[in-house]
Amino acid sequence: MVATGRQQQYAGIGLAILTTFIWSGNYVIARGISKQLPPVSLAFYRWGLAAVCILPFAWKAIVAQKEILIANRWYLLWTALTGVSIFNTFIYLGGHYTSAINLALIGTTSAPVFATFMAAFFLKEKISRFRIAGILICIAGILYLLSAGSLQHLASLHFGKGDLLVLISAFTFAIYNTLVRKKPATLSPLAFLAVIFAVGVICLVPFYVYEVTHEQAVQWTPGMFAIIAYLGIGNSIIAFFCWNASIEKLGASGTALFGNLIPVFSTIEAVLFLGETFTVVHLISGVLVIGGLVIANLQFQKRTRT
């Protein structure tokens, strides 16, 4: 029993870290191609590709579990709306008004806080003093990075239109985290993802049609196709499988905390691929975030030893 508990925890942590590593490029892309591809279209193509890729593999499971899916149709609709239709679309909308750094930092600091308190209220998950301390340390690390280690910069921070859109995005993802924790145990993970991807895309259709009739035609390039493939297969199918599995092992609030690693990974990627400078501020911020994650999970470690 002890070994099983520890293995579950370590597997959940590994899956959460892998997911945040994959997702770390999403915020950079949202800002980087904001002038080349409208936000709803980007979301529609991303989730459309994900749905097309996963449905053939999930079709047998969907047919076999048709009655379960129908019985949980409203649950699946709300899960699709929050986790697919709204979450990333608002990130892409925010990319038109704020920087990639703000997208990642605001989204990753607010989502775990929302998710933790939603899990406590709706799922009755206990918030231990370790979990609260870990959240506060993670937030301190992100704020330290956001302010470049300066209290003066921190005092002058303000939320613009794009920042508010990202806050809405983070709030909806926290709802998604909570809903995933309530997924019927008999529902296949493959069928679950395929259905919410498809339903999420369907919900985007009217907004996509409006956008393509009011925006300039997209200039498709090999790089644009590669971005859609990365978002549709990596950020959607692979990452969501890993994230949902982590939620089952660590809980909604425990998994959500690992979202704080996204700006840390984004910084590393910027250094490696964009030639940006890695500073002491980045190092201290990373140590704080990782330390916060360790402290937040001390409670779980103590429980699995008994």
C-alpha atoms as a PDB file:
ATOM      1  CA  MET A   1       0.000   0.000   0.000  1.00  0.00           C
ATOM      2  CA  VAL A   2       2.837   2.394   0.853  1.00  0.00           C
ATOM      3  CA  ALA A   3       4.653   1.734  -2.403  1.00  0.00           C
ATOM      4  CA  THR A   4       1.438   2.102  -4.389  1.00  0.00           C
ATOM      5  CA  GLY A   5       0.687   5.496  -2.796  1.00  0.00           C
ATOM      6  CA  ARG A   6       4.166   6.797  -3.508  1.00  0.00           C
ATOM      7  CA  GLN A   7       4.136   5.472  -7.051  1.00  0.00           C
ATOM      8  CA  GLN A   8       0.791   7.180  -7.659  1.00  0.00           C
ATOM      9  CA  GLN A   9       2.181  10.449  -6.369  1.00  0.00           C
ATOM     10  CA  TYR A  10       5.412  10.284  -8.363  1.00  0.00           C
ATOM     11  CA  ALA A  11       3.524   9.319 -11.522  1.00  0.00           C
ATOM     12  CA  GLY A  12       1.115  12.210 -11.010  1.00  0.00           C
ATOM     13  CA  ILE A  13       3.973  14.665 -10.484  1.00  0.00           C
ATOM     14  CA  GLY A  14       5.808  13.393 -13.568  1.00  0.00           C
ATOM     15  CA  LEU A  15       2.692  13.691 -15.725  1.00  0.00           C
ATOM     16  CA  ALA A  16       1.977  17.206 -14.452  1.00  0.00           C
ATOM     17  CA  ILE A  17       5.553  18.349 -15.156  1.00  0.00           C
ATOM     18  CA  LEU A  18       5.475  16.838 -18.657  1.00  0.00           C
ATOM     19  CA  THR A  19       2.196  18.605 -19.377  1.00  0.00           C
ATOM     20  CA  THR A  20       3.426  22.002 -18.234  1.00  0.00           C
ATOM     21  CA  PHE A  21       6.547  21.570 -20.348  1.00  0.00           C
ATOM     22  CA  ILE A  22       4.393  20.910 -23.428  1.00  0.00           C
ATOM     23  CA  TRP A  23       2.015  23.756 -22.596  1.00  0.00           C
ATOM     24  CA  SER A  24       4.788  26.279 -21.982  1.00  0.00           C
ATOM     25  CA  GLY A  25       5.010  27.094 -25.683  1.00  0.00           C
ATOM     26  CA  ASN A  26       1.307  27.890 -25.976  1.00  0.00           C
ATOM     27  CA  TYR A  27       1.591  31.377 -24.505  1.00  0.00           C
ATOM     28  CA  VAL A  28       4.533  32.266 -26.740  1.00  0.00           C
ATOM     29  CA  ILE A  29       2.617  31.102 -29.805  1.00  0.00           C
ATOM     30  CA  ALA A  30      -0.492  33.040 -28.727  1.00  0.00           C
ATOM     31  CA  ARG A  31       1.509  36.265 -28.804  1.00  0.00           C
ATOM     32  CA  GLY A  32       3.848  35.353 -31.653  1.00  0.00           C
ATOM     33  CA  ILE A  33       1.206  34.734 -34.331  1.00  0.00           C
ATOM     34  CA  SER A  34      -1.485  37.116 -33.071  1.00  0.00           C
ATOM     35  CA  LYS A  35      -1.180  39.201 -36.251  1.00  0.00           C
ATOM     36  CA  GLN A  36      -1.141  36.216 -38.593  1.00  0.00           C
ATOM     37  CA  LEU A  37      -4.015  34.087 -37.332  1.00  0.00           C
ATOM     38  CA  PRO A  38      -7.154  35.381 -35.544  1.00  0.00           C
ATOM     39  CA  PRO A  39      -7.746  33.943 -32.036  1.00  0.00           C
ATOM     40  CA  VAL A  40     -10.951  31.975 -32.609  1.00  0.00           C
ATOM     41  CA  SER A  41      -9.575  30.519 -35.848  1.00  0.00           C
ATOM     42  CA  LEU A  42      -6.406  29.429 -34.037  1.00  0.00           C
ATOM     43  CA  ALA A  43      -8.483  27.720 -31.369  1.00  0.00           C
ATOM     44  CA  PHE A  44     -10.817  26.171 -33.976  1.00  0.00           C
ATOM     45  CA  TYR A  45      -7.983  24.726 -36.081  1.00  0.00           C
ATOM     46  CA  ARG A  46      -6.146  23.474 -32.995  1.00  0.00           C
ATOM     47  CA  TRP A  47      -9.102  21.622 -31.500  1.00  0.00           C
ATOM     48  CA  GLY A  48     -10.434  20.593 -34.896  1.00  0.00           C
ATOM     49  CA  LEU A  49      -7.155  18.813 -35.653  1.00  0.00           C
ATOM     50  CA  ALA A  50      -7.148  17.248 -32.181  1.00  0.00           C
ATOM     51  CA  ALA A  51     -10.699  15.956 -32.655  1.00  0.00           C
ATOM     52  CA  VAL A  52      -9.977  14.557 -36.128  1.00  0.00           C
ATOM     53  CA  CYS A  53      -6.850  12.778 -34.858  1.00  0.00           C
ATOM     54  CA  ILE A  54      -8.398  11.234 -31.741  1.00  0.00           C
ATOM     55  CA  LEU A  55     -11.908  10.299 -32.937  1.00  0.00           C
ATOM     56  CA  PRO A  56     -10.871   7.277 -35.095  1.00  0.00           C
ATOM     57  CA  PHE A  57      -9.075   5.731 -32.101  1.00  0.00           C
ATOM     58  CA  ALA A  58     -11.889   6.544 -29.698  1.00  0.00           C
ATOM     59  CA  TRP A  59     -14.845   5.587 -31.893  1.00  0.00           C
ATOM     60  CA  LYS A  60     -15.255   2.035 -30.547  1.00  0.00           C
ATOM     61  CA  ALA A  61     -15.144   3.302 -26.966  1.00  0.00           C
ATOM     62  CA  ILE A  62     -17.676   6.036 -27.796  1.00  0.00           C
ATOM     63  CA  VAL A  63     -20.106   3.536 -29.338  1.00  0.00           C
ATOM     64  CA  ALA A  64     -19.648   1.097 -26.453  1.00  0.00           C
ATOM     65  CA  GLN A  65     -20.257   3.824 -23.870  1.00  0.00           C
ATOM     66  CA  LYS A  66     -23.021   5.653 -25.719  1.00  0.00           C
ATOM     67  CA  GLU A  67     -25.488   5.362 -22.830  1.00  0.00           C
ATOM     68  CA  ILE A  68     -22.970   6.699 -20.291  1.00  0.00           C
ATOM     69  CA  LEU A  69     -22.141   9.615 -22.576  1.00  0.00           C
ATOM     70  CA  ILE A  70     -25.797  10.497 -23.101  1.00  0.00           C
ATOM     71  CA  ALA A  71     -26.528  10.254 -19.377  1.00  0.00           C
ATOM     72  CA  ASN A  72     -23.664  12.687 -18.696  1.00  0.00           C
ATOM     73  CA  ARG A  73     -24.310  15.004 -21.656  1.00  0.00           C
ATOM     74  CA  TRP A  74     -24.595  18.198 -19.575  1.00  0.00           C
ATOM     75  CA  TYR A  75     -21.454  17.379 -17.639  1.00  0.00           C
ATOM     76  CA  LEU A  76     -19.575  16.800 -20.907  1.00  0.00           C
ATOM     77  CA  LEU A  77     -20.924  20.031 -22.390  1.00  0.00           C
ATOM     78  CA  TRP A  78     -19.707  22.145 -19.473  1.00  0.00           C
ATOM     79  CA  THR A  79     -16.352  20.357 -19.427  1.00  0.00           C
ATOM     80  CA  ALA A  80     -15.934  21.000 -23.164  1.00  0.00           C
ATOM     81  CA  LEU A  81     -16.950  24.655 -22.848  1.00  0.00           C
ATOM     82  CA  THR A  82     -14.531  25.426 -20.022  1.00  0.00           C
ATOM     83  CA  GLY A  83     -11.561  23.250 -20.984  1.00  0.00           C
ATOM     84  CA  VAL A  84     -11.739  23.514 -24.769  1.00  0.00           C
ATOM     85  CA  SER A  85     -13.940  26.303 -26.129  1.00  0.00           C
ATOM     86  CA  ILE A  86     -13.220  29.113 -23.658  1.00  0.00           C
ATOM     87  CA  PHE A  87      -9.876  28.404 -21.972  1.00  0.00           C
ATOM     88  CA  ASN A  88      -7.419  28.623 -24.866  1.00  0.00           C
ATOM     89  CA  THR A  89      -9.565  30.940 -26.982  1.00  0.00           C
ATOM     90  CA  PHE A  90      -9.302  33.605 -24.279  1.00  0.00           C
ATOM     91  CA  ILE A  91      -5.536  33.064 -24.097  1.00  0.00           C
ATOM     92  CA  TYR A  92      -5.349  33.664 -27.846  1.00  0.00           C
ATOM     93  CA  LEU A  93      -7.594  36.723 -27.497  1.00  0.00           C
ATOM     94  CA  GLY A  94      -5.371  38.012 -24.720  1.00  0.00           C
ATOM     95  CA  GLY A  95      -2.349  37.589 -26.996  1.00  0.00           C
ATOM     96  CA  HIS A  96      -3.626  40.539 -29.041  1.00  0.00           C
ATOM     97  CA  TYR A  97      -3.434  42.906 -26.080  1.00  0.00           C
ATOM     98  CA  THR A  98      -0.640  41.807 -23.744  1.00  0.00           C
ATOM     99  CA  SER A  99       2.802  40.210 -23.806  1.00  0.00           C
ATOM    100  CA  ALA A 100       3.585  36.500 -23.831  1.00  0.00           C
ATOM    101  CA  ILE A 101       5.187  36.895 -20.393  1.00  0.00           C
ATOM    102  CA  ASN A 102       1.996  38.392 -18.957  1.00  0.00           C
ATOM    103  CA  LEU A 103      -0.062  35.644 -20.591  1.00  0.00           C
ATOM    104  CA  ALA A 104       1.981  32.931 -18.923  1.00  0.00           C
ATOM    105  CA  LEU A 105       2.527  34.611 -15.573  1.00  0.00           C
ATOM    106  CA  ILE A 106      -1.016  35.825 -14.918  1.00  0.00           C
ATOM    107  CA  GLY A 107      -2.568  32.590 -16.142  1.00  0.00           C
ATOM    108  CA  THR A 108      -0.289  30.347 -14.118  1.00  0.00           C
ATOM    109  CA  THR A 109      -0.466  32.307 -10.864  1.00  0.00           C
ATOM    110  CA  SER A 110      -4.244  32.697 -10.818  1.00  0.00           C
ATOM    111  CA  ALA A 111      -5.382  29.278 -12.099  1.00  0.00           C
ATOM    112  CA  PRO A 112      -3.907  27.236  -9.190  1.00  0.00           C
ATOM    113  CA  VAL A 113      -5.459  29.598  -6.641  1.00  0.00           C
ATOM    114  CA  PHE A 114      -8.872  29.366  -8.318  1.00  0.00           C
ATOM    115  CA  ALA A 115      -8.541  25.578  -8.650  1.00  0.00           C
ATOM    116  CA  THR A 116      -7.477  25.048  -5.033  1.00  0.00           C
ATOM    117  CA  PHE A 117     -10.425  26.915  -3.554  1.00  0.00           C
ATOM    118  CA  MET A 118     -12.893  25.394  -6.032  1.00  0.00           C
ATOM    119  CA  ALA A 119     -11.625  21.924  -5.128  1.00  0.00           C
ATOM    120  CA  ALA A 120     -12.024  22.736  -1.433  1.00  0.00           C
ATOM    121  CA  PHE A 121     -15.547  24.115  -1.869  1.00  0.00           C
ATOM    122  CA  PHE A 122     -17.023  21.743  -4.455  1.00  0.00           C
ATOM    123  CA  LEU A 123     -14.946  18.587  -4.010  1.00  0.00           C
ATOM    124  CA  LYS A 124     -14.310  18.946  -0.271  1.00  0.00           C
ATOM    125  CA  GLU A 125     -10.562  18.536  -0.789  1.00  0.00           C
ATOM    126  CA  LYS A 126      -8.677  19.561   2.348  1.00  0.00           C
ATOM    127  CA  ILE A 127      -6.368  22.564   2.062  1.00  0.00           C
ATOM    128  CA  SER A 128      -3.524  21.860   4.456  1.00  0.00           C
ATOM    129  CA  ARG A 129      -1.104  24.427   5.802  1.00  0.00           C
ATOM    130  CA  PHE A 130       1.511  22.903   3.484  1.00  0.00           C
ATOM    131  CA  ARG A 131      -0.747  23.460   0.460  1.00  0.00           C
ATOM    132  CA  ILE A 132      -1.449  27.081   1.441  1.00  0.00           C
ATOM    133  CA  ALA A 133       2.231  27.754   2.113  1.00  0.00           C
ATOM    134  CA  GLY A 134       3.173  26.174  -1.217  1.00  0.00           C
ATOM    135  CA  ILE A 135       0.656  28.332  -3.100  1.00  0.00           C
ATOM    136  CA  LEU A 136       1.947  31.500  -1.464  1.00  0.00           C
ATOM    137  CA  ILE A 137       5.580  30.634  -2.228  1.00  0.00           C
ATOM    138  CA  CYS A 138       4.719  29.822  -5.872  1.00  0.00           C
ATOM    139  CA  ILE A 139       2.913  33.143  -6.227  1.00  0.00           C
ATOM    140  CA  ALA A 140       5.873  34.933  -4.635  1.00  0.00           C
ATOM    141  CA  GLY A 141       8.203  33.328  -7.173  1.00  0.00           C
ATOM    142  CA  ILE A 142       6.057  34.364 -10.133  1.00  0.00           C
ATOM    143  CA  LEU A 143       5.608  37.907  -8.798  1.00  0.00           C
ATOM    144  CA  TYR A 144       9.362  38.118  -8.276  1.00  0.00           C
ATOM    145  CA  LEU A 145       9.861  37.184 -11.924  1.00  0.00           C
ATOM    146  CA  LEU A 146       7.108  39.548 -13.096  1.00  0.00           C
ATOM    147  CA  SER A 147       8.603  42.473 -11.179  1.00  0.00           C
ATOM    148  CA  ALA A 148      12.201  41.619 -12.124  1.00  0.00           C
ATOM    149  CA  GLY A 149      13.007  41.516  -8.422  1.00  0.00           C
ATOM    150  CA  SER A 150      12.010  45.146  -7.855  1.00  0.00           C
ATOM    151  CA  LEU A 151       9.325  46.285  -5.419  1.00  0.00           C
ATOM    152  CA  GLN A 152       9.015  49.482  -7.427  1.00  0.00           C
ATOM    153  CA  HIS A 153       8.161  47.501 -10.566  1.00  0.00           C
ATOM    154  CA  LEU A 154       5.732  45.358  -8.592  1.00  0.00           C
ATOM    155  CA  ALA A 155       3.919  48.424  -7.233  1.00  0.00           C
ATOM    156  CA  SER A 156       3.501  49.837 -10.748  1.00  0.00           C
ATOM    157  CA  LEU A 157       1.959  46.680 -12.249  1.00  0.00           C
ATOM    158  CA  HIS A 158      -1.539  47.031 -13.697  1.00  0.00           C
ATOM    159  CA  PHE A 159      -4.024  44.767 -15.451  1.00  0.00           C
ATOM    160  CA  GLY A 160      -4.986  45.677 -19.005  1.00  0.00           C
ATOM    161  CA  LYS A 161      -7.617  44.214 -21.312  1.00  0.00           C
ATOM    162  CA  GLY A 162      -5.416  41.272 -22.280  1.00  0.00           C
ATOM    163  CA  ASP A 163      -4.575  40.539 -18.656  1.00  0.00           C
ATOM    164  CA  LEU A 164      -8.268  40.387 -17.746  1.00  0.00           C
ATOM    165  CA  LEU A 165      -8.929  38.007 -20.642  1.00  0.00           C
ATOM    166  CA  VAL A 166      -6.203  35.719 -19.312  1.00  0.00           C
ATOM    167  CA  LEU A 167      -7.754  35.878 -15.838  1.00  0.00           C
ATOM    168  CA  ILE A 168     -11.059  34.700 -17.323  1.00  0.00           C
ATOM    169  CA  SER A 169      -9.162  31.949 -19.112  1.00  0.00           C
ATOM    170  CA  ALA A 170      -7.512  30.852 -15.851  1.00  0.00           C
ATOM    171  CA  PHE A 171     -10.858  30.850 -14.044  1.00  0.00           C
ATOM    172  CA  THR A 172     -12.463  28.614 -16.678  1.00  0.00           C
ATOM    173  CA  PHE A 173      -9.509  26.221 -16.561  1.00  0.00           C
ATOM    174  CA  ALA A 174      -9.912  25.975 -12.798  1.00  0.00           C
ATOM    175  CA  ILE A 175     -13.547  25.004 -13.403  1.00  0.00           C
ATOM    176  CA  TYR A 176     -12.348  22.391 -15.914  1.00  0.00           C
ATOM    177  CA  ASN A 177      -9.915  20.966 -13.337  1.00  0.00           C
ATOM    178  CA  THR A 178     -12.739  20.626 -10.838  1.00  0.00           C
ATOM    179  CA  LEU A 179     -15.065  19.009 -13.380  1.00  0.00           C
ATOM    180  CA  VAL A 180     -12.441  16.467 -14.470  1.00  0.00           C
ATOM    181  CA  ARG A 181     -12.175  15.302 -10.872  1.00  0.00           C
ATOM    182  CA  LYS A 182     -15.907  14.428 -11.089  1.00  0.00           C
ATOM    183  CA  LYS A 183     -15.546  12.370 -14.276  1.00  0.00           C
ATOM    184  CA  PRO A 184     -17.560   9.127 -14.035  1.00  0.00           C
ATOM    185  CA  ALA A 185     -15.150   6.292 -13.197  1.00  0.00           C
ATOM    186  CA  THR A 186     -16.735   4.059 -15.850  1.00  0.00           C
ATOM    187  CA  LEU A 187     -16.129   6.566 -18.629  1.00  0.00           C
ATOM    188  CA  SER A 188     -13.096   5.733 -20.785  1.00  0.00           C
ATOM    189  CA  PRO A 189     -10.440   8.515 -20.758  1.00  0.00           C
ATOM    190  CA  LEU A 190     -10.134   8.148 -24.544  1.00  0.00           C
ATOM    191  CA  ALA A 191     -13.877   8.518 -25.141  1.00  0.00           C
ATOM    192  CA  PHE A 192     -14.006  11.391 -22.643  1.00  0.00           C
ATOM    193  CA  LEU A 193     -11.305  13.418 -24.405  1.00  0.00           C
ATOM    194  CA  ALA A 194     -12.627  12.690 -27.895  1.00  0.00           C
ATOM    195  CA  VAL A 195     -16.125  13.842 -26.964  1.00  0.00           C
ATOM    196  CA  ILE A 196     -15.083  17.050 -25.199  1.00  0.00           C
ATOM    197  CA  PHE A 197     -12.731  17.916 -28.083  1.00  0.00           C
ATOM    198  CA  ALA A 198     -15.530  17.432 -30.620  1.00  0.00           C
ATOM    199  CA  VAL A 199     -18.147  19.256 -28.535  1.00  0.00           C
ATOM    200  CA  GLY A 200     -15.695  22.091 -27.845  1.00  0.00           C
ATOM    201  CA  VAL A 201     -15.054  22.543 -31.575  1.00  0.00           C
ATOM    202  CA  ILE A 202     -18.791  22.529 -32.335  1.00  0.00           C
ATOM    203  CA  CYS A 203     -19.304  25.284 -29.754  1.00  0.00           C
ATOM    204  CA  LEU A 204     -16.634  27.364 -31.522  1.00  0.00           C
ATOM    205  CA  VAL A 205     -18.220  27.048 -34.986  1.00  0.00           C
ATOM    206  CA  PRO A 206     -20.533  30.117 -34.928  1.00  0.00           C
ATOM    207  CA  PHE A 207     -17.731  32.344 -33.597  1.00  0.00           C
ATOM    208  CA  TYR A 208     -15.313  30.920 -36.163  1.00  0.00           C
ATOM    209  CA  VAL A 209     -17.747  31.595 -39.019  1.00  0.00           C
ATOM    210  CA  TYR A 210     -18.229  35.169 -37.827  1.00  0.00           C
ATOM    211  CA  GLU A 211     -14.481  35.711 -37.552  1.00  0.00           C
ATOM    212  CA  VAL A 212     -13.543  34.359 -40.991  1.00  0.00           C
ATOM    213  CA  THR A 213     -16.211  36.540 -42.628  1.00  0.00           C
ATOM    214  CA  HIS A 214     -14.918  39.690 -40.916  1.00  0.00           C
ATOM    215  CA  GLU A 215     -11.141  39.129 -40.899  1.00  0.00           C
ATOM    216  CA  GLN A 216      -8.580  39.009 -43.679  1.00  0.00           C
ATOM    217  CA  ALA A 217      -7.821  35.612 -45.205  1.00  0.00           C
ATOM    218  CA  VAL A 218      -5.056  33.680 -43.448  1.00  0.00           C
ATOM    219  CA  GLN A 219      -1.761  33.370 -45.321  1.00  0.00           C
ATOM    220  CA  TRP A 220      -0.847  29.710 -44.799  1.00  0.00           C
ATOM    221  CA  THR A 221       2.838  28.771 -44.597  1.00  0.00           C
ATOM    222  CA  PRO A 222       4.670  25.559 -43.622  1.00  0.00           C
ATOM    223  CA  GLY A 223       5.461  27.180 -40.282  1.00  0.00           C
ATOM    224  CA  MET A 224       1.774  27.908 -39.662  1.00  0.00           C
ATOM    225  CA  PHE A 225       0.857  24.266 -40.367  1.00  0.00           C
ATOM    226  CA  ALA A 226       3.608  23.143 -37.976  1.00  0.00           C
ATOM    227  CA  ILE A 227       2.212  25.408 -35.229  1.00  0.00           C
ATOM    228  CA  ILE A 228      -1.301  23.992 -35.669  1.00  0.00           C
ATOM    229  CA  ALA A 229       0.123  20.450 -35.544  1.00  0.00           C
ATOM    230  CA  TYR A 230       2.052  21.235 -32.360  1.00  0.00           C
ATOM    231  CA  LEU A 231      -1.036  22.732 -30.711  1.00  0.00           C
ATOM    232  CA  GLY A 232      -3.479  20.113 -31.985  1.00  0.00           C
ATOM    233  CA  ILE A 233      -1.450  16.992 -31.221  1.00  0.00           C
ATOM    234  CA  GLY A 234       1.031  18.003 -28.519  1.00  0.00           C
ATOM    235  CA  ASN A 235      -0.796  20.708 -26.568  1.00  0.00           C
ATOM    236  CA  SER A 236      -4.196  19.054 -26.924  1.00  0.00           C
ATOM    237  CA  ILE A 237      -4.123  15.268 -27.190  1.00  0.00           C
ATOM    238  CA  ILE A 238      -0.865  14.346 -25.435  1.00  0.00           C
ATOM    239  CA  ALA A 239      -0.954  17.104 -22.828  1.00  0.00           C
ATOM    240  CA  PHE A 240      -4.617  16.669 -21.885  1.00  0.00           C
ATOM    241  CA  PHE A 241      -4.193  12.905 -21.480  1.00  0.00           C
ATOM    242  CA  CYS A 242      -1.277  13.533 -19.120  1.00  0.00           C
ATOM    243  CA  TRP A 243      -3.001  16.356 -17.234  1.00  0.00           C
ATOM    244  CA  ASN A 244      -6.239  14.446 -16.669  1.00  0.00           C
ATOM    245  CA  ALA A 245      -4.269  11.395 -15.491  1.00  0.00           C
ATOM    246  CA  SER A 246      -2.347  13.614 -13.071  1.00  0.00           C
ATOM    247  CA  ILE A 247      -5.609  15.021 -11.667  1.00  0.00           C
ATOM    248  CA  GLU A 248      -6.768  11.464 -10.943  1.00  0.00           C
ATOM    249  CA  LYS A 249      -3.548  10.786  -9.011  1.00  0.00           C
ATOM    250  CA  LEU A 250      -2.914  14.108  -7.225  1.00  0.00           C
ATOM    251  CA  GLY A 251      -6.338  15.742  -7.094  1.00  0.00           C
ATOM    252  CA  ALA A 252      -7.539  18.894  -8.846  1.00  0.00           C
ATOM    253  CA  SER A 253      -5.763  21.393  -6.593  1.00  0.00           C
ATOM    254  CA  GLY A 254      -2.541  19.372  -6.357  1.00  0.00           C
ATOM    255  CA  THR A 255      -2.183  19.103 -10.122  1.00  0.00           C
ATOM    256  CA  ALA A 256      -3.140  22.739 -10.731  1.00  0.00           C
ATOM    257  CA  LEU A 257      -0.165  23.889  -8.631  1.00  0.00           C
ATOM    258  CA  PHE A 258       2.229  22.550 -11.262  1.00  0.00           C
ATOM    259  CA  GLY A 259       0.930  25.149 -13.697  1.00  0.00           C
ATOM    260  CA  ASN A 260       3.347  27.507 -11.950  1.00  0.00           C
ATOM    261  CA  LEU A 261       6.171  25.723 -13.794  1.00  0.00           C
ATOM    262  CA  ILE A 262       4.961  27.025 -17.166  1.00  0.00           C
ATOM    263  CA  PRO A 263       6.687  30.450 -16.992  1.00  0.00           C
ATOM    264  CA  VAL A 264       9.839  28.745 -15.693  1.00  0.00           C
ATOM    265  CA  PHE A 265       9.902  26.443 -18.730  1.00  0.00           C
ATOM    266  CA  SER A 266       8.997  29.362 -20.992  1.00  0.00           C
ATOM    267  CA  THR A 267      12.036  31.256 -19.733  1.00  0.00           C
ATOM    268  CA  ILE A 268      14.322  28.290 -20.452  1.00  0.00           C
ATOM    269  CA  GLU A 269      12.855  27.975 -23.951  1.00  0.00           C
ATOM    270  CA  ALA A 270      13.386  31.686 -24.552  1.00  0.00           C
ATOM    271  CA  VAL A 271      17.057  31.316 -23.591  1.00  0.00           C
ATOM    272  CA  LEU A 272      17.594  28.245 -25.782  1.00  0.00           C
ATOM    273  CA  PHE A 273      15.600  29.244 -28.871  1.00  0.00           C
ATOM    274  CA  LEU A 274      15.326  33.039 -28.773  1.00  0.00           C
ATOM    275  CA  GLY A 275      18.716  33.922 -27.310  1.00  0.00           C
ATOM    276  CA  GLU A 276      17.243  35.774 -24.319  1.00  0.00           C
ATOM    277  CA  THR A 277      19.424  36.281 -21.241  1.00  0.00           C
ATOM    278  CA  PHE A 278      19.027  34.098 -18.164  1.00  0.00           C
ATOM    279  CA  THR A 279      19.442  36.250 -15.050  1.00  0.00           C
ATOM    280  CA  VAL A 280      19.641  35.807 -11.285  1.00  0.00           C
ATOM    281  CA  VAL A 281      16.001  36.931 -11.170  1.00  0.00           C
ATOM    282  CA  HIS A 282      15.007  33.915 -13.282  1.00  0.00           C
ATOM    283  CA  LEU A 283      17.044  31.600 -11.066  1.00  0.00           C
ATOM    284  CA  ILE A 284      15.515  32.868  -7.810  1.00  0.00           C
ATOM    285  CA  SER A 285      12.016  32.763  -9.277  1.00  0.00           C
ATOM    286  CA  GLY A 286      12.488  29.182 -10.449  1.00  0.00           C
ATOM    287  CA  VAL A 287      13.807  28.073  -7.054  1.00  0.00           C
ATOM    288  CA  LEU A 288      10.820  29.675  -5.300  1.00  0.00           C
ATOM    289  CA  VAL A 289       8.277  28.042  -7.627  1.00  0.00           C
ATOM    290  CA  ILE A 290       9.843  24.592  -7.413  1.00  0.00           C
ATOM    291  CA  GLY A 291      10.242  24.953  -3.635  1.00  0.00           C
ATOM    292  CA  GLY A 292       6.585  25.919  -3.345  1.00  0.00           C
ATOM    293  CA  LEU A 293       5.547  22.833  -5.285  1.00  0.00           C
ATOM    294  CA  VAL A 294       7.616  20.591  -3.009  1.00  0.00           C
ATOM    295  CA  ILE A 295       6.125  22.133   0.147  1.00  0.00           C
ATOM    296  CA  ALA A 296       2.585  21.924  -1.248  1.00  0.00           C
ATOM    297  CA  ASN A 297       3.017  18.173  -1.712  1.00  0.00           C
ATOM    298  CA  LEU A 298       4.577  17.443   1.710  1.00  0.00           C
ATOM    299  CA  GLN A 299       1.143  16.694   3.138  1.00  0.00           C
ATOM    300  CA  PHE A 300       0.568  13.996   0.516  1.00  0.00           C
ATOM    301  CA  GLN A 301       3.983  12.454   1.142  1.00  0.00           C
ATOM    302  CA  LYS A 302       3.288  12.276   4.880  1.00  0.00           C
ATOM    303  CA  ARG A 303      -0.072  10.583   4.290  1.00  0.00           C
ATOM    304  CA  THR A 304       1.365   7.903   1.981  1.00  0.00           C
ATOM    305  CA  ARG A 305       3.926   6.838   4.626  1.00  0.00           C
ATOM    306  CA  THR A 306       1.221   5.839   7.085  1.00  0.00           C
END
